Amino acid sequence: MSSGSTVADKTFVLPGASVRMTDCTYCGSPVEDHDPLYVSESPDGEPTGQFCNYGCLSAHIDDEGLTTGTACEWSSSQ
């Protein structure tokens, strides 16, 4: 684990077969009709979100600005 990182900082993608939920967190479509994936804040935890596919997950991340301020340290001298 990298320094400064904790399990609470991560989101885990859970196997689709292990969970059953109905509506996509992003678009509201039934996830079971697509290629569903589920996310959780812990590897063995309950899902905190469900998505039709990686496209809906990616759009959700972009629309919610979930990557803003989460970049690794960067310097123009590197």
PDB file of N, CA and C in Angstrom:
ATOM      1  N   MET A   1       0.851  -1.170   0.000  1.00  0.00           N
ATOM      2  CA  MET A   1       0.000   0.000   0.000  1.00  0.00           C
ATOM      3  C   MET A   1       0.893   1.227   0.000  1.00  0.00           C
ATOM      4  N   SER A   2       0.603   2.229  -0.798  1.00  0.00           N
ATOM      5  CA  SER A   2       1.421   3.429  -0.857  1.00  0.00           C
ATOM      6  C   SER A   2       1.242   4.268   0.394  1.00  0.00           C
ATOM      7  N   SER A   3       2.251   5.088   0.673  1.00  0.00           N
ATOM      8  CA  SER A   3       2.178   5.899   1.888  1.00  0.00           C
ATOM      9  C   SER A   3       1.032   6.890   1.814  1.00  0.00           C
ATOM     10  N   GLY A   4       0.373   7.090   2.925  1.00  0.00           N
ATOM     11  CA  GLY A   4      -0.731   8.045   2.990  1.00  0.00           C
ATOM     12  C   GLY A   4      -2.055   7.510   2.493  1.00  0.00           C
ATOM     13  N   SER A   5      -2.066   6.320   1.958  1.00  0.00           N
ATOM     14  CA  SER A   5      -3.288   5.744   1.425  1.00  0.00           C
ATOM     15  C   SER A   5      -3.915   4.821   2.464  1.00  0.00           C
ATOM     16  N   THR A   6      -5.227   4.851   2.539  1.00  0.00           N
ATOM     17  CA  THR A   6      -5.938   3.954   3.438  1.00  0.00           C
ATOM     18  C   THR A   6      -7.023   3.249   2.663  1.00  0.00           C
ATOM     19  N   VAL A   7      -7.535   2.186   3.195  1.00  0.00           N
ATOM     20  CA  VAL A   7      -8.625   1.454   2.546  1.00  0.00           C
ATOM     21  C   VAL A   7      -9.822   2.378   2.347  1.00  0.00           C
ATOM     22  N   ALA A   8     -10.028   3.328   3.245  1.00  0.00           N
ATOM     23  CA  ALA A   8     -11.162   4.243   3.131  1.00  0.00           C
ATOM     24  C   ALA A   8     -11.057   5.131   1.903  1.00  0.00           C
ATOM     25  N   ASP A   9      -9.840   5.266   1.319  1.00  0.00           N
ATOM     26  CA  ASP A   9      -9.637   6.097   0.143  1.00  0.00           C
ATOM     27  C   ASP A   9      -9.995   5.380  -1.150  1.00  0.00           C
ATOM     28  N   LYS A  10     -10.340   4.116  -1.090  1.00  0.00           N
ATOM     29  CA  LYS A  10     -10.500   3.302  -2.282  1.00  0.00           C
ATOM     30  C   LYS A  10     -11.950   2.886  -2.517  1.00  0.00           C
ATOM     31  N   THR A  11     -12.226   2.566  -3.779  1.00  0.00           N
ATOM     32  CA  THR A  11     -13.503   1.979  -4.159  1.00  0.00           C
ATOM     33  C   THR A  11     -13.186   0.668  -4.844  1.00  0.00           C
ATOM     34  N   PHE A  12     -13.936  -0.369  -4.571  1.00  0.00           N
ATOM     35  CA  PHE A  12     -13.695  -1.684  -5.121  1.00  0.00           C
ATOM     36  C   PHE A  12     -14.811  -2.063  -6.078  1.00  0.00           C
ATOM     37  N   VAL A  13     -14.448  -2.667  -7.194  1.00  0.00           N
ATOM     38  CA  VAL A  13     -15.434  -3.179  -8.142  1.00  0.00           C
ATOM     39  C   VAL A  13     -15.708  -4.620  -7.758  1.00  0.00           C
ATOM     40  N   LEU A  14     -16.967  -4.934  -7.519  1.00  0.00           N
ATOM     41  CA  LEU A  14     -17.370  -6.275  -7.090  1.00  0.00           C
ATOM     42  C   LEU A  14     -17.840  -7.087  -8.285  1.00  0.00           C
ATOM     43  N   PRO A  15     -17.647  -8.385  -8.269  1.00  0.00           N
ATOM     44  CA  PRO A  15     -18.141  -9.243  -9.358  1.00  0.00           C
ATOM     45  C   PRO A  15     -19.659  -9.145  -9.476  1.00  0.00           C
ATOM     46  N   GLY A  16     -20.149  -9.072 -10.691  1.00  0.00           N
ATOM     47  CA  GLY A  16     -21.579  -8.937 -10.916  1.00  0.00           C
ATOM     48  C   GLY A  16     -22.408 -10.073 -10.373  1.00  0.00           C
ATOM     49  N   ALA A  17     -21.880 -11.265 -10.365  1.00  0.00           N
ATOM     50  CA  ALA A  17     -22.652 -12.424  -9.917  1.00  0.00           C
ATOM     51  C   ALA A  17     -22.876 -12.441  -8.410  1.00  0.00           C
ATOM     52  N   SER A  18     -22.096 -11.643  -7.673  1.00  0.00           N
ATOM     53  CA  SER A  18     -22.193 -11.699  -6.214  1.00  0.00           C
ATOM     54  C   SER A  18     -23.278 -10.793  -5.639  1.00  0.00           C
ATOM     55  N   VAL A  19     -23.873  -9.961  -6.472  1.00  0.00           N
ATOM     56  CA  VAL A  19     -24.814  -8.965  -5.967  1.00  0.00           C
ATOM     57  C   VAL A  19     -26.013  -8.877  -6.912  1.00  0.00           C
ATOM     58  N   ARG A  20     -27.148  -8.497  -6.375  1.00  0.00           N
ATOM     59  CA  ARG A  20     -28.325  -8.263  -7.228  1.00  0.00           C
ATOM     60  C   ARG A  20     -28.969  -6.939  -6.833  1.00  0.00           C
ATOM     61  N   MET A  21     -28.893  -5.985  -7.727  1.00  0.00           N
ATOM     62  CA  MET A  21     -29.563  -4.700  -7.559  1.00  0.00           C
ATOM     63  C   MET A  21     -30.245  -4.408  -8.886  1.00  0.00           C
ATOM     64  N   THR A  22     -31.085  -3.420  -8.920  1.00  0.00           N
ATOM     65  CA  THR A  22     -31.873  -3.262 -10.134  1.00  0.00           C
ATOM     66  C   THR A  22     -31.527  -2.048 -10.987  1.00  0.00           C
ATOM     67  N   ASP A  23     -31.410  -0.868 -10.435  1.00  0.00           N
ATOM     68  CA  ASP A  23     -31.264   0.325 -11.260  1.00  0.00           C
ATOM     69  C   ASP A  23     -29.848   0.889 -11.234  1.00  0.00           C
ATOM     70  N   CYS A  24     -29.376   1.291 -12.407  1.00  0.00           N
ATOM     71  CA  CYS A  24     -28.052   1.877 -12.559  1.00  0.00           C
ATOM     72  C   CYS A  24     -27.990   3.198 -11.786  1.00  0.00           C
ATOM     73  N   THR A  25     -26.928   3.371 -11.018  1.00  0.00           N
ATOM     74  CA  THR A  25     -26.726   4.606 -10.256  1.00  0.00           C
ATOM     75  C   THR A  25     -26.650   5.803 -11.192  1.00  0.00           C
ATOM     76  N   TYR A  26     -26.115   5.616 -12.402  1.00  0.00           N
ATOM     77  CA  TYR A  26     -25.940   6.735 -13.333  1.00  0.00           C
ATOM     78  C   TYR A  26     -27.173   6.995 -14.196  1.00  0.00           C
ATOM     79  N   CYS A  27     -27.649   5.972 -14.910  1.00  0.00           N
ATOM     80  CA  CYS A  27     -28.706   6.229 -15.898  1.00  0.00           C
ATOM     81  C   CYS A  27     -30.095   5.728 -15.496  1.00  0.00           C
ATOM     82  N   GLY A  28     -30.177   4.916 -14.443  1.00  0.00           N
ATOM     83  CA  GLY A  28     -31.470   4.427 -13.968  1.00  0.00           C
ATOM     84  C   GLY A  28     -31.998   3.204 -14.681  1.00  0.00           C
ATOM     85  N   SER A  29     -31.277   2.709 -15.694  1.00  0.00           N
ATOM     86  CA  SER A  29     -31.705   1.502 -16.406  1.00  0.00           C
ATOM     87  C   SER A  29     -31.490   0.265 -15.545  1.00  0.00           C
ATOM     88  N   PRO A  30     -32.233  -0.812 -15.815  1.00  0.00           N
ATOM     89  CA  PRO A  30     -32.007  -2.055 -15.084  1.00  0.00           C
ATOM     90  C   PRO A  30     -30.615  -2.612 -15.403  1.00  0.00           C
ATOM     91  N   VAL A  31     -29.759  -2.721 -14.408  1.00  0.00           N
ATOM     92  CA  VAL A  31     -28.386  -3.164 -14.655  1.00  0.00           C
ATOM     93  C   VAL A  31     -28.321  -4.607 -15.141  1.00  0.00           C
ATOM     94  N   GLU A  32     -29.262  -5.432 -14.735  1.00  0.00           N
ATOM     95  CA  GLU A  32     -29.246  -6.841 -15.125  1.00  0.00           C
ATOM     96  C   GLU A  32     -29.430  -7.023 -16.636  1.00  0.00           C
ATOM     97  N   ASP A  33     -29.939  -6.002 -17.343  1.00  0.00           N
ATOM     98  CA  ASP A  33     -30.137  -6.078 -18.788  1.00  0.00           C
ATOM     99  C   ASP A  33     -28.853  -5.808 -19.556  1.00  0.00           C
ATOM    100  N   HIS A  34     -27.770  -5.484 -18.864  1.00  0.00           N
ATOM    101  CA  HIS A  34     -26.525  -5.081 -19.510  1.00  0.00           C
ATOM    102  C   HIS A  34     -25.361  -5.927 -18.995  1.00  0.00           C
ATOM    103  N   ASP A  35     -24.218  -5.315 -18.840  1.00  0.00           N
ATOM    104  CA  ASP A  35     -23.020  -5.987 -18.319  1.00  0.00           C
ATOM    105  C   ASP A  35     -22.692  -5.326 -16.988  1.00  0.00           C
ATOM    106  N   PRO A  36     -23.457  -5.637 -15.918  1.00  0.00           N
ATOM    107  CA  PRO A  36     -23.394  -4.860 -14.679  1.00  0.00           C
ATOM    108  C   PRO A  36     -22.091  -5.008 -13.908  1.00  0.00           C
ATOM    109  N   LEU A  37     -21.781  -3.945 -13.174  1.00  0.00           N
ATOM    110  CA  LEU A  37     -20.722  -3.999 -12.194  1.00  0.00           C
ATOM    111  C   LEU A  37     -21.175  -3.198 -10.990  1.00  0.00           C
ATOM    112  N   TYR A  38     -20.614  -3.539  -9.860  1.00  0.00           N
ATOM    113  CA  TYR A  38     -21.021  -2.974  -8.584  1.00  0.00           C
ATOM    114  C   TYR A  38     -19.787  -2.449  -7.878  1.00  0.00           C
ATOM    115  N   VAL A  39     -19.922  -1.335  -7.172  1.00  0.00           N
ATOM    116  CA  VAL A  39     -18.792  -0.761  -6.444  1.00  0.00           C
ATOM    117  C   VAL A  39     -19.101  -0.725  -4.955  1.00  0.00           C
ATOM    118  N   SER A  40     -18.027  -0.812  -4.165  1.00  0.00           N
ATOM    119  CA  SER A  40     -18.144  -0.814  -2.721  1.00  0.00           C
ATOM    120  C   SER A  40     -16.950  -0.092  -2.132  1.00  0.00           C
ATOM    121  N   GLU A  41     -17.080   0.379  -0.911  1.00  0.00           N
ATOM    122  CA  GLU A  41     -15.973   1.052  -0.243  1.00  0.00           C
ATOM    123  C   GLU A  41     -15.047   0.068   0.451  1.00  0.00           C
ATOM    124  N   SER A  42     -15.408  -1.214   0.466  1.00  0.00           N
ATOM    125  CA  SER A  42     -14.525  -2.247   1.012  1.00  0.00           C
ATOM    126  C   SER A  42     -14.652  -3.496   0.144  1.00  0.00           C
ATOM    127  N   PRO A  43     -13.608  -4.314   0.086  1.00  0.00           N
ATOM    128  CA  PRO A  43     -13.648  -5.470  -0.807  1.00  0.00           C
ATOM    129  C   PRO A  43     -14.756  -6.470  -0.483  1.00  0.00           C
ATOM    130  N   ASP A  44     -15.156  -6.563   0.764  1.00  0.00           N
ATOM    131  CA  ASP A  44     -16.203  -7.502   1.158  1.00  0.00           C
ATOM    132  C   ASP A  44     -17.492  -6.800   1.566  1.00  0.00           C
ATOM    133  N   GLY A  45     -17.566  -5.507   1.322  1.00  0.00           N
ATOM    134  CA  GLY A  45     -18.708  -4.730   1.785  1.00  0.00           C
ATOM    135  C   GLY A  45     -19.910  -4.786   0.868  1.00  0.00           C
ATOM    136  N   GLU A  46     -20.960  -4.198   1.341  1.00  0.00           N
ATOM    137  CA  GLU A  46     -22.176  -4.076   0.543  1.00  0.00           C
ATOM    138  C   GLU A  46     -21.943  -3.057  -0.572  1.00  0.00           C
ATOM    139  N   PRO A  47     -22.569  -3.234  -1.721  1.00  0.00           N
ATOM    140  CA  PRO A  47     -22.408  -2.286  -2.816  1.00  0.00           C
ATOM    141  C   PRO A  47     -22.928  -0.898  -2.447  1.00  0.00           C
ATOM    142  N   THR A  48     -22.190   0.103  -2.869  1.00  0.00           N
ATOM    143  CA  THR A  48     -22.625   1.488  -2.670  1.00  0.00           C
ATOM    144  C   THR A  48     -23.103   2.094  -3.978  1.00  0.00           C
ATOM    145  N   GLY A  49     -22.925   1.380  -5.069  1.00  0.00           N
ATOM    146  CA  GLY A  49     -23.388   1.832  -6.368  1.00  0.00           C
ATOM    147  C   GLY A  49     -23.409   0.669  -7.339  1.00  0.00           C
ATOM    148  N   GLN A  50     -24.231   0.775  -8.379  1.00  0.00           N
ATOM    149  CA  GLN A  50     -24.316  -0.257  -9.405  1.00  0.00           C
ATOM    150  C   GLN A  50     -24.437   0.437 -10.755  1.00  0.00           C
ATOM    151  N   PHE A  51     -23.808  -0.131 -11.765  1.00  0.00           N
ATOM    152  CA  PHE A  51     -23.743   0.497 -13.078  1.00  0.00           C
ATOM    153  C   PHE A  51     -23.986  -0.531 -14.170  1.00  0.00           C
ATOM    154  N   CYS A  52     -24.588  -0.097 -15.283  1.00  0.00           N
ATOM    155  CA  CYS A  52     -24.870  -0.982 -16.417  1.00  0.00           C
ATOM    156  C   CYS A  52     -23.586  -1.587 -16.971  1.00  0.00           C
ATOM    157  N   ASN A  53     -22.534  -0.778 -17.015  1.00  0.00           N
ATOM    158  CA  ASN A  53     -21.257  -1.190 -17.583  1.00  0.00           C
ATOM    159  C   ASN A  53     -20.216  -0.132 -17.217  1.00  0.00           C
ATOM    160  N   TYR A  54     -19.005  -0.311 -17.706  1.00  0.00           N
ATOM    161  CA  TYR A  54     -17.947   0.648 -17.396  1.00  0.00           C
ATOM    162  C   TYR A  54     -18.217   2.028 -18.004  1.00  0.00           C
ATOM    163  N   GLY A  55     -19.010   2.079 -19.082  1.00  0.00           N
ATOM    164  CA  GLY A  55     -19.366   3.371 -19.687  1.00  0.00           C
ATOM    165  C   GLY A  55     -20.166   4.229 -18.718  1.00  0.00           C
ATOM    166  N   CYS A  56     -21.166   3.645 -18.063  1.00  0.00           N
ATOM    167  CA  CYS A  56     -21.971   4.401 -17.088  1.00  0.00           C
ATOM    168  C   CYS A  56     -21.125   4.769 -15.871  1.00  0.00           C
ATOM    169  N   LEU A  57     -20.256   3.859 -15.437  1.00  0.00           N
ATOM    170  CA  LEU A  57     -19.378   4.169 -14.312  1.00  0.00           C
ATOM    171  C   LEU A  57     -18.464   5.335 -14.663  1.00  0.00           C
ATOM    172  N   SER A  58     -17.874   5.312 -15.840  1.00  0.00           N
ATOM    173  CA  SER A  58     -16.981   6.381 -16.274  1.00  0.00           C
ATOM    174  C   SER A  58     -17.717   7.720 -16.377  1.00  0.00           C
ATOM    175  N   ALA A  59     -18.911   7.703 -16.954  1.00  0.00           N
ATOM    176  CA  ALA A  59     -19.703   8.934 -17.073  1.00  0.00           C
ATOM    177  C   ALA A  59     -20.074   9.468 -15.692  1.00  0.00           C
ATOM    178  N   HIS A  60     -20.425   8.588 -14.763  1.00  0.00           N
ATOM    179  CA  HIS A  60     -20.755   8.986 -13.395  1.00  0.00           C
ATOM    180  C   HIS A  60     -19.547   9.652 -12.721  1.00  0.00           C
ATOM    181  N   ILE A  61     -18.372   9.055 -12.879  1.00  0.00           N
ATOM    182  CA  ILE A  61     -17.147   9.621 -12.304  1.00  0.00           C
ATOM    183  C   ILE A  61     -16.899  11.014 -12.864  1.00  0.00           C
ATOM    184  N   ASP A  62     -17.036  11.175 -14.181  1.00  0.00           N
ATOM    185  CA  ASP A  62     -16.827  12.485 -14.811  1.00  0.00           C
ATOM    186  C   ASP A  62     -17.860  13.507 -14.355  1.00  0.00           C
ATOM    187  N   ASP A  63     -19.145  13.136 -14.417  1.00  0.00           N
ATOM    188  CA  ASP A  63     -20.218  14.076 -14.067  1.00  0.00           C
ATOM    189  C   ASP A  63     -20.159  14.530 -12.613  1.00  0.00           C
ATOM    190  N   GLU A  64     -19.748  13.641 -11.722  1.00  0.00           N
ATOM    191  CA  GLU A  64     -19.679  13.967 -10.295  1.00  0.00           C
ATOM    192  C   GLU A  64     -18.340  14.575  -9.894  1.00  0.00           C
ATOM    193  N   GLY A  65     -17.401  14.659 -10.819  1.00  0.00           N
ATOM    194  CA  GLY A  65     -16.084  15.212 -10.518  1.00  0.00           C
ATOM    195  C   GLY A  65     -15.337  14.417  -9.457  1.00  0.00           C
ATOM    196  N   LEU A  66     -15.492  13.101  -9.486  1.00  0.00           N
ATOM    197  CA  LEU A  66     -14.929  12.264  -8.436  1.00  0.00           C
ATOM    198  C   LEU A  66     -13.407  12.161  -8.476  1.00  0.00           C
ATOM    199  N   THR A  67     -12.791  12.560  -9.584  1.00  0.00           N
ATOM    200  CA  THR A  67     -11.330  12.514  -9.645  1.00  0.00           C
ATOM    201  C   THR A  67     -10.694  13.863  -9.339  1.00  0.00           C
ATOM    202  N   THR A  68     -11.484  14.895  -9.183  1.00  0.00           N
ATOM    203  CA  THR A  68     -10.950  16.222  -8.894  1.00  0.00           C
ATOM    204  C   THR A  68     -10.222  16.216  -7.559  1.00  0.00           C
ATOM    205  N   GLY A  69      -8.975  16.656  -7.585  1.00  0.00           N
ATOM    206  CA  GLY A  69      -8.188  16.737  -6.367  1.00  0.00           C
ATOM    207  C   GLY A  69      -7.626  15.423  -5.891  1.00  0.00           C
ATOM    208  N   THR A  70      -7.694  14.358  -6.709  1.00  0.00           N
ATOM    209  CA  THR A  70      -7.201  13.061  -6.261  1.00  0.00           C
ATOM    210  C   THR A  70      -5.946  12.620  -6.994  1.00  0.00           C
ATOM    211  N   ALA A  71      -5.328  13.522  -7.742  1.00  0.00           N
ATOM    212  CA  ALA A  71      -4.137  13.156  -8.500  1.00  0.00           C
ATOM    213  C   ALA A  71      -2.938  12.941  -7.582  1.00  0.00           C
ATOM    214  N   CYS A  72      -2.018  12.126  -8.063  1.00  0.00           N
ATOM    215  CA  CYS A  72      -0.763  11.937  -7.341  1.00  0.00           C
ATOM    216  C   CYS A  72       0.018  13.250  -7.377  1.00  0.00           C
ATOM    217  N   GLU A  73       1.002  13.363  -6.516  1.00  0.00           N
ATOM    218  CA  GLU A  73       1.817  14.563  -6.522  1.00  0.00           C
ATOM    219  C   GLU A  73       2.514  14.695  -7.867  1.00  0.00           C
ATOM    220  N   TRP A  74       2.538  15.895  -8.392  1.00  0.00           N
ATOM    221  CA  TRP A  74       3.164  16.152  -9.671  1.00  0.00           C
ATOM    222  C   TRP A  74       3.906  17.466  -9.589  1.00  0.00           C
ATOM    223  N   SER A  75       5.026  17.533 -10.235  1.00  0.00           N
ATOM    224  CA  SER A  75       5.813  18.759 -10.276  1.00  0.00           C
ATOM    225  C   SER A  75       6.284  18.965 -11.700  1.00  0.00           C
ATOM    226  N   SER A  76       6.291  20.198 -12.162  1.00  0.00           N
ATOM    227  CA  SER A  76       6.730  20.489 -13.529  1.00  0.00           C
ATOM    228  C   SER A  76       8.219  20.201 -13.700  1.00  0.00           C
ATOM    229  N   SER A  77       8.955  20.054 -12.623  1.00  0.00           N
ATOM    230  CA  SER A  77      10.384  19.736 -12.707  1.00  0.00           C
ATOM    231  C   SER A  77      10.642  18.244 -12.909  1.00  0.00           C
ATOM    232  N   GLN A  78       9.621  17.433 -12.912  1.00  0.00           N
ATOM    233  CA  GLN A  78       9.807  15.982 -13.087  1.00  0.00           C
ATOM    234  C   GLN A  78       9.823  15.628 -14.543  1.00  0.00           C
TER     235      GLN A  78
END
